[in-house]
Amino acid sequence: MPASGILYGHPVSQPCRSVQWYLDYSGNTTVERKVVDIMAGAHKQPDYVAKFPNHQVPGFETEDGFCFAESSAILKHVSRDDEKIKPQTAKDEARLNEYFGRHYSQVRKFSTEVFFHHLLTKDEEKKQAGLVAIKPQLESYNEKLGKQKYILGDKLTLADFLFAPEVDQMEAVGKEVLAPYQNILKYLERLTTDVKGYKECIGGMRSGLEEMLKMM
């Protein structure tokens, strides 16, 4: 049975786009999607904070009112009955959990640093420090993607739903950022043609982010 409940989020948020993409990919029509205008501070309003004390997006509310956050937790919850996407063995699950840890401690940490300082602070020195910090991750996954179709092998997993939004936004910082990583670029293009919902929910954000940057 498809997951149901309410997804709270905003399309400018990479973690929100990860969950949104999975729902589109899986054809889920039972999860209600509510936009939280984080640009206007809606995530800090009392009614939202009462549900999600860390005032973050995405947030998820089940039909019985249970609320929790973090994109990886939400992805695991909404995909729990999806035999195509969920881990099939204990080793598969261990590898996926390993990526979750690496994603938040390294991939997302540094990609967010780059994007934040490029978009908001305009601090070129800190942005460059972020680019240096994320380079080993990009090199590692570029090498892997030269040998396999997806992040954890030749099967699409939740790791892809987390990784792609983070890397995809790097092109909004500058086309040259991903130019050395041709296997990653081919991977992103493959997602556009092969995986339902990627082009609309993730790839389409490239132009939107670029326009936003021009307005800043």
N, C-alpha and C. Protein backbone atom coordinates (compact mmCIF):
# COMPACT_ATOMS: atom_id res chain seq x y z
N MET A 1 0.84 -1.19 0.00
CA MET A 1 0.00 0.00 0.00
C MET A 1 0.88 1.25 0.00
N PRO A 2 0.61 2.20 -0.90
CA PRO A 2 1.42 3.42 -0.94
C PRO A 2 1.32 4.19 0.37
N ALA A 3 2.42 4.85 0.74
CA ALA A 3 2.42 5.67 1.95
C ALA A 3 1.45 6.83 1.78
N SER A 4 0.90 7.27 2.90
CA SER A 4 0.01 8.42 2.88
C SER A 4 0.38 9.34 4.02
N GLY A 5 -0.06 10.58 3.94
CA GLY A 5 0.27 11.57 4.95
C GLY A 5 0.44 12.92 4.30
N ILE A 6 1.22 13.80 4.93
CA ILE A 6 1.45 15.14 4.39
C ILE A 6 2.95 15.41 4.34
N LEU A 7 3.43 15.81 3.18
CA LEU A 7 4.82 16.23 3.02
C LEU A 7 4.85 17.75 3.04
N TYR A 8 5.62 18.31 3.96
CA TYR A 8 5.81 19.75 4.04
C TYR A 8 7.17 20.08 3.46
N GLY A 9 7.22 21.01 2.51
CA GLY A 9 8.51 21.33 1.92
C GLY A 9 8.46 22.55 1.04
N HIS A 10 9.60 22.81 0.39
CA HIS A 10 9.73 23.93 -0.54
C HIS A 10 10.69 23.50 -1.65
N PRO A 11 10.37 23.82 -2.91
CA PRO A 11 11.18 23.32 -4.03
C PRO A 11 12.61 23.84 -4.08
N VAL A 12 12.92 24.93 -3.36
CA VAL A 12 14.29 25.43 -3.38
C VAL A 12 15.21 24.57 -2.51
N SER A 13 14.60 23.74 -1.66
CA SER A 13 15.37 22.88 -0.75
C SER A 13 15.74 21.58 -1.44
N GLN A 14 17.04 21.27 -1.44
CA GLN A 14 17.48 20.03 -2.07
C GLN A 14 16.88 18.80 -1.40
N PRO A 15 16.88 18.70 -0.07
CA PRO A 15 16.27 17.51 0.56
C PRO A 15 14.78 17.37 0.23
N CYS A 16 14.09 18.49 0.11
CA CYS A 16 12.67 18.43 -0.28
C CYS A 16 12.52 17.88 -1.68
N ARG A 17 13.41 18.29 -2.55
CA ARG A 17 13.34 17.82 -3.93
C ARG A 17 13.62 16.32 -4.01
N SER A 18 14.46 15.82 -3.11
CA SER A 18 14.73 14.38 -3.08
C SER A 18 13.46 13.59 -2.83
N VAL A 19 12.69 14.02 -1.82
CA VAL A 19 11.46 13.31 -1.48
C VAL A 19 10.41 13.51 -2.57
N GLN A 20 10.30 14.75 -3.06
CA GLN A 20 9.33 15.05 -4.11
C GLN A 20 9.60 14.18 -5.34
N TRP A 21 10.86 14.06 -5.70
CA TRP A 21 11.25 13.25 -6.85
C TRP A 21 10.84 11.80 -6.65
N TYR A 22 11.11 11.25 -5.45
CA TYR A 22 10.72 9.86 -5.22
C TYR A 22 9.21 9.66 -5.34
N LEU A 23 8.43 10.58 -4.78
CA LEU A 23 6.98 10.46 -4.87
C LEU A 23 6.52 10.49 -6.32
N ASP A 24 7.13 11.35 -7.12
CA ASP A 24 6.78 11.40 -8.54
C ASP A 24 7.21 10.12 -9.25
N TYR A 25 8.41 9.66 -8.93
CA TYR A 25 8.94 8.44 -9.54
C TYR A 25 8.03 7.24 -9.26
N SER A 26 7.58 7.14 -8.02
CA SER A 26 6.78 5.98 -7.61
C SER A 26 5.30 6.13 -7.96
N GLY A 27 4.92 7.31 -8.46
CA GLY A 27 3.52 7.53 -8.81
C GLY A 27 2.61 7.68 -7.60
N ASN A 28 3.18 8.08 -6.47
CA ASN A 28 2.39 8.22 -5.25
C ASN A 28 1.43 9.41 -5.36
N THR A 29 0.14 9.13 -5.17
CA THR A 29 -0.87 10.19 -5.19
C THR A 29 -1.59 10.30 -3.85
N THR A 30 -1.12 9.54 -2.86
CA THR A 30 -1.81 9.53 -1.56
C THR A 30 -1.12 10.42 -0.53
N VAL A 31 0.08 10.91 -0.84
CA VAL A 31 0.75 11.86 0.05
C VAL A 31 0.39 13.28 -0.40
N GLU A 32 -0.22 14.03 0.51
CA GLU A 32 -0.54 15.43 0.23
C GLU A 32 0.74 16.25 0.33
N ARG A 33 0.91 17.21 -0.56
CA ARG A 33 2.14 18.01 -0.57
C ARG A 33 1.80 19.46 -0.27
N LYS A 34 2.36 19.96 0.82
CA LYS A 34 2.11 21.34 1.23
C LYS A 34 3.40 22.15 1.15
N VAL A 35 3.32 23.30 0.47
CA VAL A 35 4.48 24.17 0.35
C VAL A 35 4.62 25.02 1.61
N VAL A 36 5.80 25.00 2.18
CA VAL A 36 6.13 25.84 3.33
C VAL A 36 7.03 26.96 2.81
N ASP A 37 6.55 28.18 2.85
CA ASP A 37 7.29 29.30 2.27
C ASP A 37 8.45 29.69 3.20
N ILE A 38 9.56 28.97 3.04
CA ILE A 38 10.70 29.23 3.91
C ILE A 38 11.32 30.60 3.63
N MET A 39 11.11 31.13 2.44
CA MET A 39 11.63 32.47 2.13
C MET A 39 10.94 33.54 2.98
N ALA A 40 9.69 33.25 3.35
CA ALA A 40 8.93 34.19 4.17
C ALA A 40 8.95 33.80 5.65
N GLY A 41 9.71 32.76 5.98
CA GLY A 41 9.83 32.35 7.38
C GLY A 41 8.70 31.49 7.90
N ALA A 42 7.93 30.85 7.00
CA ALA A 42 6.80 30.04 7.44
C ALA A 42 7.25 28.85 8.29
N HIS A 43 8.48 28.40 8.10
CA HIS A 43 8.98 27.25 8.88
C HIS A 43 9.30 27.62 10.32
N LYS A 44 9.24 28.92 10.63
CA LYS A 44 9.52 29.36 12.00
C LYS A 44 8.25 29.81 12.73
N GLN A 45 7.12 29.65 12.07
CA GLN A 45 5.85 30.01 12.69
C GLN A 45 5.44 28.97 13.74
N PRO A 46 4.75 29.41 14.80
CA PRO A 46 4.42 28.52 15.91
C PRO A 46 3.72 27.23 15.51
N ASP A 47 2.80 27.29 14.56
CA ASP A 47 2.06 26.09 14.19
C ASP A 47 2.96 25.07 13.51
N TYR A 48 3.95 25.55 12.76
CA TYR A 48 4.89 24.63 12.11
C TYR A 48 5.90 24.08 13.12
N VAL A 49 6.42 24.96 13.97
CA VAL A 49 7.41 24.55 14.97
C VAL A 49 6.81 23.56 15.96
N ALA A 50 5.50 23.66 16.19
CA ALA A 50 4.84 22.70 17.08
C ALA A 50 4.92 21.29 16.53
N LYS A 51 4.92 21.17 15.22
CA LYS A 51 5.03 19.86 14.58
C LYS A 51 6.49 19.46 14.38
N PHE A 52 7.31 20.44 14.02
CA PHE A 52 8.72 20.18 13.71
C PHE A 52 9.58 21.19 14.48
N PRO A 53 9.97 20.83 15.71
CA PRO A 53 10.68 21.76 16.60
C PRO A 53 11.98 22.34 16.04
N ASN A 54 12.61 21.63 15.11
CA ASN A 54 13.85 22.14 14.52
C ASN A 54 13.58 23.05 13.33
N HIS A 55 12.31 23.38 13.14
CA HIS A 55 11.82 24.24 12.04
C HIS A 55 12.57 24.02 10.72
N GLN A 56 12.57 22.75 10.29
CA GLN A 56 13.25 22.41 9.05
C GLN A 56 12.28 21.80 8.04
N VAL A 57 12.70 21.83 6.78
CA VAL A 57 11.98 21.13 5.72
C VAL A 57 12.97 20.18 5.05
N PRO A 58 12.49 19.03 4.58
CA PRO A 58 11.11 18.60 4.59
C PRO A 58 10.69 18.06 5.96
N GLY A 59 9.37 18.07 6.16
CA GLY A 59 8.78 17.43 7.32
C GLY A 59 7.67 16.53 6.83
N PHE A 60 7.36 15.52 7.61
CA PHE A 60 6.31 14.57 7.20
C PHE A 60 5.38 14.31 8.37
N GLU A 61 4.08 14.32 8.08
CA GLU A 61 3.06 14.04 9.08
C GLU A 61 2.22 12.86 8.62
N THR A 62 2.19 11.80 9.41
CA THR A 62 1.40 10.63 9.06
C THR A 62 -0.07 10.90 9.33
N GLU A 63 -0.91 9.99 8.88
CA GLU A 63 -2.35 10.18 9.02
C GLU A 63 -2.80 10.28 10.48
N ASP A 64 -2.04 9.68 11.39
CA ASP A 64 -2.42 9.74 12.80
C ASP A 64 -1.74 10.88 13.55
N GLY A 65 -1.10 11.80 12.79
CA GLY A 65 -0.52 12.99 13.40
C GLY A 65 0.91 12.87 13.88
N PHE A 66 1.56 11.73 13.61
CA PHE A 66 2.98 11.57 13.98
C PHE A 66 3.83 12.38 13.01
N CYS A 67 4.71 13.23 13.57
CA CYS A 67 5.52 14.12 12.73
C CYS A 67 7.01 13.82 12.89
N PHE A 68 7.72 13.83 11.80
CA PHE A 68 9.17 13.64 11.84
C PHE A 68 9.80 14.32 10.63
N ALA A 69 11.12 14.51 10.71
CA ALA A 69 11.83 15.22 9.65
C ALA A 69 13.03 14.39 9.18
N GLU A 70 13.88 15.01 8.37
CA GLU A 70 15.07 14.44 7.73
C GLU A 70 14.67 13.66 6.47
N SER A 71 15.24 14.09 5.35
CA SER A 71 14.87 13.52 4.06
C SER A 71 15.12 12.02 3.98
N SER A 72 16.23 11.54 4.57
CA SER A 72 16.52 10.10 4.50
C SER A 72 15.46 9.29 5.26
N ALA A 73 15.03 9.81 6.42
CA ALA A 73 14.00 9.11 7.20
C ALA A 73 12.67 9.12 6.44
N ILE A 74 12.35 10.24 5.82
CA ILE A 74 11.10 10.33 5.07
C ILE A 74 11.15 9.42 3.85
N LEU A 75 12.28 9.39 3.16
CA LEU A 75 12.41 8.52 1.99
C LEU A 75 12.24 7.05 2.38
N LYS A 76 12.84 6.64 3.47
CA LYS A 76 12.70 5.25 3.91
C LYS A 76 11.25 4.94 4.28
N HIS A 77 10.58 5.93 4.89
CA HIS A 77 9.19 5.71 5.30
C HIS A 77 8.27 5.56 4.08
N VAL A 78 8.39 6.47 3.12
CA VAL A 78 7.45 6.44 1.99
C VAL A 78 7.78 5.34 0.99
N SER A 79 8.98 4.76 1.07
CA SER A 79 9.35 3.69 0.13
C SER A 79 9.35 2.30 0.78
N ARG A 80 8.84 2.21 2.00
CA ARG A 80 8.97 0.97 2.77
C ARG A 80 8.30 -0.23 2.10
N ASP A 81 7.30 0.00 1.26
CA ASP A 81 6.62 -1.13 0.58
C ASP A 81 6.98 -1.22 -0.90
N ASP A 82 7.99 -0.45 -1.31
CA ASP A 82 8.39 -0.42 -2.71
C ASP A 82 9.49 -1.46 -2.94
N GLU A 83 9.11 -2.60 -3.47
CA GLU A 83 10.05 -3.70 -3.66
C GLU A 83 11.15 -3.35 -4.67
N LYS A 84 10.86 -2.43 -5.59
CA LYS A 84 11.86 -2.07 -6.60
C LYS A 84 12.99 -1.25 -6.01
N ILE A 85 12.70 -0.48 -4.98
CA ILE A 85 13.68 0.49 -4.51
C ILE A 85 14.29 0.14 -3.16
N LYS A 86 13.58 -0.61 -2.32
CA LYS A 86 14.11 -0.85 -0.98
C LYS A 86 15.20 -1.92 -1.00
N PRO A 87 16.12 -1.90 -0.04
CA PRO A 87 17.20 -2.89 0.01
C PRO A 87 16.64 -4.31 0.09
N GLN A 88 17.27 -5.22 -0.63
CA GLN A 88 16.79 -6.60 -0.68
C GLN A 88 17.48 -7.52 0.32
N THR A 89 18.67 -7.13 0.77
CA THR A 89 19.42 -7.95 1.72
C THR A 89 19.95 -7.05 2.84
N ALA A 90 20.42 -7.70 3.90
CA ALA A 90 21.01 -6.96 5.01
C ALA A 90 22.24 -6.18 4.56
N LYS A 91 23.00 -6.76 3.63
CA LYS A 91 24.19 -6.07 3.11
C LYS A 91 23.78 -4.85 2.29
N ASP A 92 22.73 -4.99 1.50
CA ASP A 92 22.24 -3.86 0.72
C ASP A 92 21.82 -2.71 1.66
N GLU A 93 21.14 -3.06 2.73
CA GLU A 93 20.69 -2.04 3.67
C GLU A 93 21.88 -1.39 4.38
N ALA A 94 22.87 -2.18 4.72
CA ALA A 94 24.07 -1.64 5.36
C ALA A 94 24.78 -0.67 4.43
N ARG A 95 24.86 -1.01 3.15
CA ARG A 95 25.52 -0.14 2.18
C ARG A 95 24.73 1.16 2.01
N LEU A 96 23.41 1.06 2.01
CA LEU A 96 22.58 2.25 1.89
C LEU A 96 22.75 3.14 3.12
N ASN A 97 22.73 2.55 4.31
CA ASN A 97 22.90 3.33 5.53
C ASN A 97 24.28 3.97 5.59
N GLU A 98 25.27 3.26 5.06
CA GLU A 98 26.61 3.83 4.97
C GLU A 98 26.59 5.10 4.11
N TYR A 99 25.87 5.02 2.98
CA TYR A 99 25.79 6.22 2.14
C TYR A 99 25.05 7.35 2.85
N PHE A 100 23.98 7.04 3.57
CA PHE A 100 23.25 8.09 4.29
C PHE A 100 24.21 8.87 5.20
N GLY A 101 25.07 8.15 5.92
CA GLY A 101 26.02 8.81 6.80
C GLY A 101 27.00 9.66 6.02
N ARG A 102 27.49 9.13 4.92
CA ARG A 102 28.44 9.86 4.09
C ARG A 102 27.78 11.07 3.44
N HIS A 103 26.53 10.91 3.09
CA HIS A 103 25.82 12.01 2.43
C HIS A 103 25.77 13.23 3.33
N TYR A 104 25.33 13.04 4.57
CA TYR A 104 25.14 14.18 5.46
C TYR A 104 26.45 14.72 6.02
N SER A 105 27.44 13.85 6.22
CA SER A 105 28.69 14.32 6.81
C SER A 105 29.66 14.87 5.79
N GLN A 106 29.46 14.53 4.50
CA GLN A 106 30.43 14.97 3.50
C GLN A 106 29.78 15.57 2.25
N VAL A 107 28.96 14.81 1.55
CA VAL A 107 28.41 15.31 0.28
C VAL A 107 27.55 16.55 0.50
N ARG A 108 26.50 16.40 1.29
CA ARG A 108 25.60 17.53 1.51
C ARG A 108 26.28 18.65 2.30
N LYS A 109 27.06 18.31 3.27
CA LYS A 109 27.73 19.32 4.08
C LYS A 109 28.51 20.31 3.22
N PHE A 110 29.29 19.77 2.29
CA PHE A 110 30.16 20.64 1.50
C PHE A 110 29.44 21.26 0.31
N SER A 111 28.49 20.55 -0.29
CA SER A 111 27.76 21.16 -1.41
C SER A 111 26.92 22.33 -0.91
N THR A 112 26.36 22.18 0.29
CA THR A 112 25.58 23.28 0.87
C THR A 112 26.47 24.47 1.18
N GLU A 113 27.67 24.19 1.66
CA GLU A 113 28.63 25.26 1.95
C GLU A 113 28.95 26.05 0.69
N VAL A 114 29.19 25.35 -0.39
CA VAL A 114 29.49 26.01 -1.67
C VAL A 114 28.31 26.86 -2.11
N PHE A 115 27.13 26.25 -2.09
CA PHE A 115 25.95 26.94 -2.58
C PHE A 115 25.58 28.13 -1.71
N PHE A 116 25.68 27.96 -0.39
CA PHE A 116 25.32 29.02 0.55
C PHE A 116 26.20 30.25 0.34
N HIS A 117 27.50 30.03 0.25
CA HIS A 117 28.41 31.17 0.11
C HIS A 117 28.37 31.78 -1.29
N HIS A 118 27.99 30.99 -2.27
CA HIS A 118 27.83 31.55 -3.62
C HIS A 118 26.56 32.38 -3.72
N LEU A 119 25.48 31.85 -3.15
CA LEU A 119 24.18 32.48 -3.31
C LEU A 119 23.92 33.61 -2.32
N LEU A 120 24.29 33.41 -1.05
CA LEU A 120 23.89 34.34 -0.01
C LEU A 120 25.00 35.26 0.50
N THR A 121 26.11 34.69 0.91
CA THR A 121 27.14 35.55 1.51
C THR A 121 28.06 36.20 0.47
N LYS A 122 28.13 35.59 -0.72
CA LYS A 122 29.04 36.06 -1.77
C LYS A 122 30.49 36.01 -1.32
N ASP A 123 30.78 35.12 -0.37
CA ASP A 123 32.13 35.00 0.17
C ASP A 123 32.91 34.01 -0.71
N GLU A 124 33.70 34.55 -1.61
CA GLU A 124 34.41 33.73 -2.58
C GLU A 124 35.43 32.80 -1.92
N GLU A 125 36.07 33.29 -0.87
CA GLU A 125 37.08 32.47 -0.18
C GLU A 125 36.44 31.24 0.45
N LYS A 126 35.29 31.42 1.12
CA LYS A 126 34.62 30.29 1.76
C LYS A 126 34.01 29.35 0.71
N LYS A 127 33.53 29.92 -0.39
CA LYS A 127 33.00 29.08 -1.46
C LYS A 127 34.10 28.19 -2.03
N GLN A 128 35.27 28.78 -2.25
CA GLN A 128 36.38 28.00 -2.79
C GLN A 128 36.83 26.93 -1.81
N ALA A 129 36.76 27.24 -0.51
CA ALA A 129 37.11 26.24 0.51
C ALA A 129 36.14 25.07 0.45
N GLY A 130 34.87 25.37 0.20
CA GLY A 130 33.87 24.31 0.06
C GLY A 130 34.13 23.46 -1.17
N LEU A 131 34.53 24.10 -2.26
CA LEU A 131 34.83 23.37 -3.49
C LEU A 131 36.02 22.44 -3.29
N VAL A 132 37.00 22.89 -2.53
CA VAL A 132 38.16 22.04 -2.23
C VAL A 132 37.72 20.86 -1.36
N ALA A 133 36.84 21.14 -0.39
CA ALA A 133 36.41 20.10 0.54
C ALA A 133 35.57 19.02 -0.14
N ILE A 134 34.75 19.41 -1.12
CA ILE A 134 33.88 18.42 -1.78
C ILE A 134 34.59 17.69 -2.92
N LYS A 135 35.75 18.16 -3.33
CA LYS A 135 36.45 17.56 -4.46
C LYS A 135 36.69 16.06 -4.29
N PRO A 136 37.16 15.57 -3.11
CA PRO A 136 37.36 14.12 -2.97
C PRO A 136 36.08 13.32 -3.17
N GLN A 137 34.94 13.88 -2.76
CA GLN A 137 33.68 13.17 -2.95
C GLN A 137 33.32 13.10 -4.43
N LEU A 138 33.47 14.22 -5.12
CA LEU A 138 33.16 14.24 -6.55
C LEU A 138 34.09 13.31 -7.32
N GLU A 139 35.35 13.30 -6.94
CA GLU A 139 36.30 12.40 -7.61
C GLU A 139 35.94 10.94 -7.36
N SER A 140 35.58 10.64 -6.12
CA SER A 140 35.24 9.26 -5.77
C SER A 140 34.02 8.76 -6.52
N TYR A 141 32.95 9.57 -6.54
CA TYR A 141 31.73 9.14 -7.21
C TYR A 141 31.88 9.21 -8.73
N ASN A 142 32.71 10.09 -9.22
CA ASN A 142 32.96 10.12 -10.65
C ASN A 142 33.63 8.82 -11.09
N GLU A 143 34.57 8.34 -10.28
CA GLU A 143 35.23 7.07 -10.59
C GLU A 143 34.24 5.92 -10.53
N LYS A 144 33.41 5.89 -9.49
CA LYS A 144 32.42 4.81 -9.35
C LYS A 144 31.47 4.79 -10.54
N LEU A 145 31.02 5.99 -10.94
CA LEU A 145 30.03 6.08 -12.02
C LEU A 145 30.63 5.79 -13.39
N GLY A 146 31.92 5.64 -13.44
CA GLY A 146 32.55 5.16 -14.67
C GLY A 146 32.46 3.65 -14.80
N LYS A 147 32.07 2.99 -13.70
CA LYS A 147 32.01 1.53 -13.67
C LYS A 147 30.60 1.00 -13.44
N GLN A 148 29.70 1.85 -12.99
CA GLN A 148 28.35 1.41 -12.65
C GLN A 148 27.34 2.49 -13.00
N LYS A 149 26.06 2.11 -13.10
CA LYS A 149 25.03 3.05 -13.55
C LYS A 149 24.61 4.03 -12.46
N TYR A 150 24.59 3.55 -11.22
CA TYR A 150 24.06 4.37 -10.13
C TYR A 150 25.04 4.42 -8.96
N ILE A 151 24.67 5.18 -7.93
CA ILE A 151 25.59 5.44 -6.83
C ILE A 151 26.05 4.17 -6.13
N LEU A 152 25.15 3.21 -5.91
CA LEU A 152 25.52 2.00 -5.18
C LEU A 152 25.66 0.77 -6.06
N GLY A 153 25.61 0.96 -7.36
CA GLY A 153 25.73 -0.19 -8.26
C GLY A 153 24.92 0.02 -9.51
N ASP A 154 24.38 -1.06 -10.06
CA ASP A 154 23.59 -0.96 -11.28
C ASP A 154 22.09 -0.94 -11.02
N LYS A 155 21.71 -0.74 -9.78
CA LYS A 155 20.30 -0.65 -9.40
C LYS A 155 20.04 0.70 -8.74
N LEU A 156 18.96 1.34 -9.14
CA LEU A 156 18.57 2.61 -8.54
C LEU A 156 18.22 2.38 -7.06
N THR A 157 18.73 3.25 -6.19
CA THR A 157 18.43 3.15 -4.76
C THR A 157 18.12 4.54 -4.21
N LEU A 158 17.76 4.58 -2.95
CA LEU A 158 17.48 5.87 -2.31
C LEU A 158 18.72 6.75 -2.27
N ALA A 159 19.90 6.16 -2.37
CA ALA A 159 21.13 6.97 -2.41
C ALA A 159 21.11 7.92 -3.59
N ASP A 160 20.57 7.47 -4.72
CA ASP A 160 20.49 8.33 -5.90
C ASP A 160 19.55 9.50 -5.68
N PHE A 161 18.47 9.25 -4.96
CA PHE A 161 17.50 10.31 -4.72
C PHE A 161 18.06 11.39 -3.81
N LEU A 162 19.08 11.05 -3.02
CA LEU A 162 19.75 12.05 -2.20
C LEU A 162 20.91 12.72 -2.94
N PHE A 163 21.70 11.91 -3.63
CA PHE A 163 22.93 12.41 -4.26
C PHE A 163 22.65 13.39 -5.40
N ALA A 164 21.75 13.03 -6.29
CA ALA A 164 21.53 13.82 -7.50
C ALA A 164 21.13 15.28 -7.23
N PRO A 165 20.20 15.55 -6.31
CA PRO A 165 19.83 16.95 -6.06
C PRO A 165 21.00 17.80 -5.56
N GLU A 166 21.86 17.19 -4.75
CA GLU A 166 23.01 17.93 -4.24
C GLU A 166 23.98 18.29 -5.34
N VAL A 167 24.27 17.32 -6.20
CA VAL A 167 25.25 17.55 -7.25
C VAL A 167 24.66 18.40 -8.37
N ASP A 168 23.40 18.18 -8.66
CA ASP A 168 22.75 18.91 -9.74
C ASP A 168 22.82 20.42 -9.55
N GLN A 169 22.67 20.86 -8.30
CA GLN A 169 22.65 22.29 -8.03
C GLN A 169 24.02 22.95 -8.24
N MET A 170 25.08 22.12 -8.29
CA MET A 170 26.42 22.68 -8.44
C MET A 170 26.59 23.40 -9.77
N GLU A 171 25.81 22.98 -10.77
CA GLU A 171 25.92 23.65 -12.07
C GLU A 171 25.39 25.07 -12.01
N ALA A 172 24.50 25.35 -11.04
CA ALA A 172 24.01 26.72 -10.88
C ALA A 172 25.11 27.63 -10.35
N VAL A 173 26.09 27.04 -9.66
CA VAL A 173 27.23 27.80 -9.17
C VAL A 173 28.15 28.15 -10.33
N GLY A 174 28.24 27.23 -11.29
CA GLY A 174 29.08 27.47 -12.47
C GLY A 174 29.25 26.19 -13.26
N LYS A 175 29.08 26.26 -14.56
CA LYS A 175 29.18 25.07 -15.40
C LYS A 175 30.54 24.39 -15.25
N GLU A 176 31.56 25.21 -14.93
CA GLU A 176 32.91 24.66 -14.84
C GLU A 176 33.09 23.75 -13.62
N VAL A 177 32.21 23.87 -12.63
CA VAL A 177 32.37 23.09 -11.40
C VAL A 177 32.32 21.59 -11.67
N LEU A 178 31.38 21.16 -12.49
CA LEU A 178 31.24 19.73 -12.76
C LEU A 178 31.96 19.28 -14.04
N ALA A 179 32.53 20.21 -14.77
CA ALA A 179 33.17 19.87 -16.04
C ALA A 179 34.23 18.78 -15.92
N PRO A 180 35.03 18.73 -14.83
CA PRO A 180 36.04 17.67 -14.74
C PRO A 180 35.46 16.28 -14.44
N TYR A 181 34.17 16.24 -14.13
CA TYR A 181 33.56 14.99 -13.67
C TYR A 181 32.54 14.50 -14.70
N GLN A 182 33.08 14.03 -15.82
CA GLN A 182 32.23 13.66 -16.94
C GLN A 182 31.32 12.48 -16.64
N ASN A 183 31.75 11.58 -15.80
CA ASN A 183 30.89 10.43 -15.48
C ASN A 183 29.69 10.86 -14.64
N ILE A 184 29.88 11.86 -13.78
CA ILE A 184 28.76 12.39 -13.01
C ILE A 184 27.79 13.10 -13.95
N LEU A 185 28.31 13.85 -14.90
CA LEU A 185 27.44 14.55 -15.86
C LEU A 185 26.64 13.54 -16.69
N LYS A 186 27.29 12.46 -17.10
CA LYS A 186 26.59 11.42 -17.87
C LYS A 186 25.52 10.75 -17.00
N TYR A 187 25.83 10.57 -15.74
CA TYR A 187 24.88 9.99 -14.78
C TYR A 187 23.64 10.88 -14.65
N LEU A 188 23.85 12.19 -14.50
CA LEU A 188 22.73 13.10 -14.38
C LEU A 188 21.88 13.11 -15.66
N GLU A 189 22.54 13.02 -16.79
CA GLU A 189 21.81 12.96 -18.06
C GLU A 189 21.03 11.66 -18.17
N ARG A 190 21.62 10.59 -17.68
CA ARG A 190 20.95 9.28 -17.71
C ARG A 190 19.69 9.31 -16.83
N LEU A 191 19.78 9.97 -15.70
CA LEU A 191 18.61 10.09 -14.83
C LEU A 191 17.50 10.85 -15.56
N THR A 192 17.89 11.86 -16.32
CA THR A 192 16.91 12.66 -17.05
C THR A 192 16.12 11.83 -18.03
N THR A 193 16.79 10.89 -18.70
CA THR A 193 16.13 10.09 -19.73
C THR A 193 15.53 8.79 -19.20
N ASP A 194 16.12 8.24 -18.13
CA ASP A 194 15.74 6.89 -17.70
C ASP A 194 14.86 6.82 -16.45
N VAL A 195 14.89 7.85 -15.62
CA VAL A 195 14.21 7.76 -14.33
C VAL A 195 13.05 8.76 -14.25
N LYS A 196 11.87 8.25 -14.08
CA LYS A 196 10.66 9.06 -14.05
C LYS A 196 10.74 10.15 -12.98
N GLY A 197 10.39 11.36 -13.37
CA GLY A 197 10.28 12.46 -12.42
C GLY A 197 11.52 13.29 -12.23
N TYR A 198 12.70 12.75 -12.65
CA TYR A 198 13.94 13.50 -12.40
C TYR A 198 13.97 14.82 -13.16
N LYS A 199 13.66 14.78 -14.43
CA LYS A 199 13.75 15.98 -15.25
C LYS A 199 12.85 17.08 -14.73
N GLU A 200 11.63 16.71 -14.36
CA GLU A 200 10.65 17.70 -13.91
C GLU A 200 10.97 18.23 -12.51
N CYS A 201 11.33 17.34 -11.61
CA CYS A 201 11.46 17.71 -10.20
C CYS A 201 12.86 18.18 -9.82
N ILE A 202 13.88 17.65 -10.49
CA ILE A 202 15.26 17.99 -10.15
C ILE A 202 15.93 18.78 -11.27
N GLY A 203 15.96 18.20 -12.45
CA GLY A 203 16.63 18.86 -13.55
C GLY A 203 16.04 20.22 -13.85
N GLY A 204 14.72 20.34 -13.71
CA GLY A 204 14.05 21.61 -13.99
C GLY A 204 14.44 22.71 -13.04
N MET A 205 15.01 22.33 -11.87
CA MET A 205 15.43 23.34 -10.91
C MET A 205 16.69 24.08 -11.35
N ARG A 206 17.44 23.51 -12.28
CA ARG A 206 18.66 24.19 -12.72
C ARG A 206 18.36 25.60 -13.23
N SER A 207 17.41 25.69 -14.15
CA SER A 207 17.09 27.00 -14.70
C SER A 207 16.50 27.91 -13.65
N GLY A 208 15.69 27.34 -12.74
CA GLY A 208 15.10 28.15 -11.69
C GLY A 208 16.15 28.71 -10.75
N LEU A 209 17.12 27.89 -10.39
CA LEU A 209 18.19 28.34 -9.50
C LEU A 209 19.06 29.38 -10.20
N GLU A 210 19.31 29.15 -11.47
CA GLU A 210 20.12 30.12 -12.20
C GLU A 210 19.42 31.48 -12.27
N GLU A 211 18.12 31.46 -12.48
CA GLU A 211 17.36 32.72 -12.51
C GLU A 211 17.37 33.38 -11.14
N MET A 212 17.27 32.58 -10.09
CA MET A 212 17.30 33.13 -8.73
C MET A 212 18.63 33.81 -8.47
N LEU A 213 19.71 33.18 -8.92
CA LEU A 213 21.03 33.75 -8.70
C LEU A 213 21.18 35.09 -9.42
N LYS A 214 20.59 35.20 -10.58
CA LYS A 214 20.68 36.45 -11.33
C LYS A 214 19.94 37.59 -10.61
N MET A 215 18.93 37.22 -9.83
CA MET A 215 18.11 38.22 -9.14
C MET A 215 18.72 38.66 -7.81
N MET A 216 19.71 37.88 -7.31
CA MET A 216 20.30 38.19 -6.01
C MET A 216 21.25 39.37 -6.11
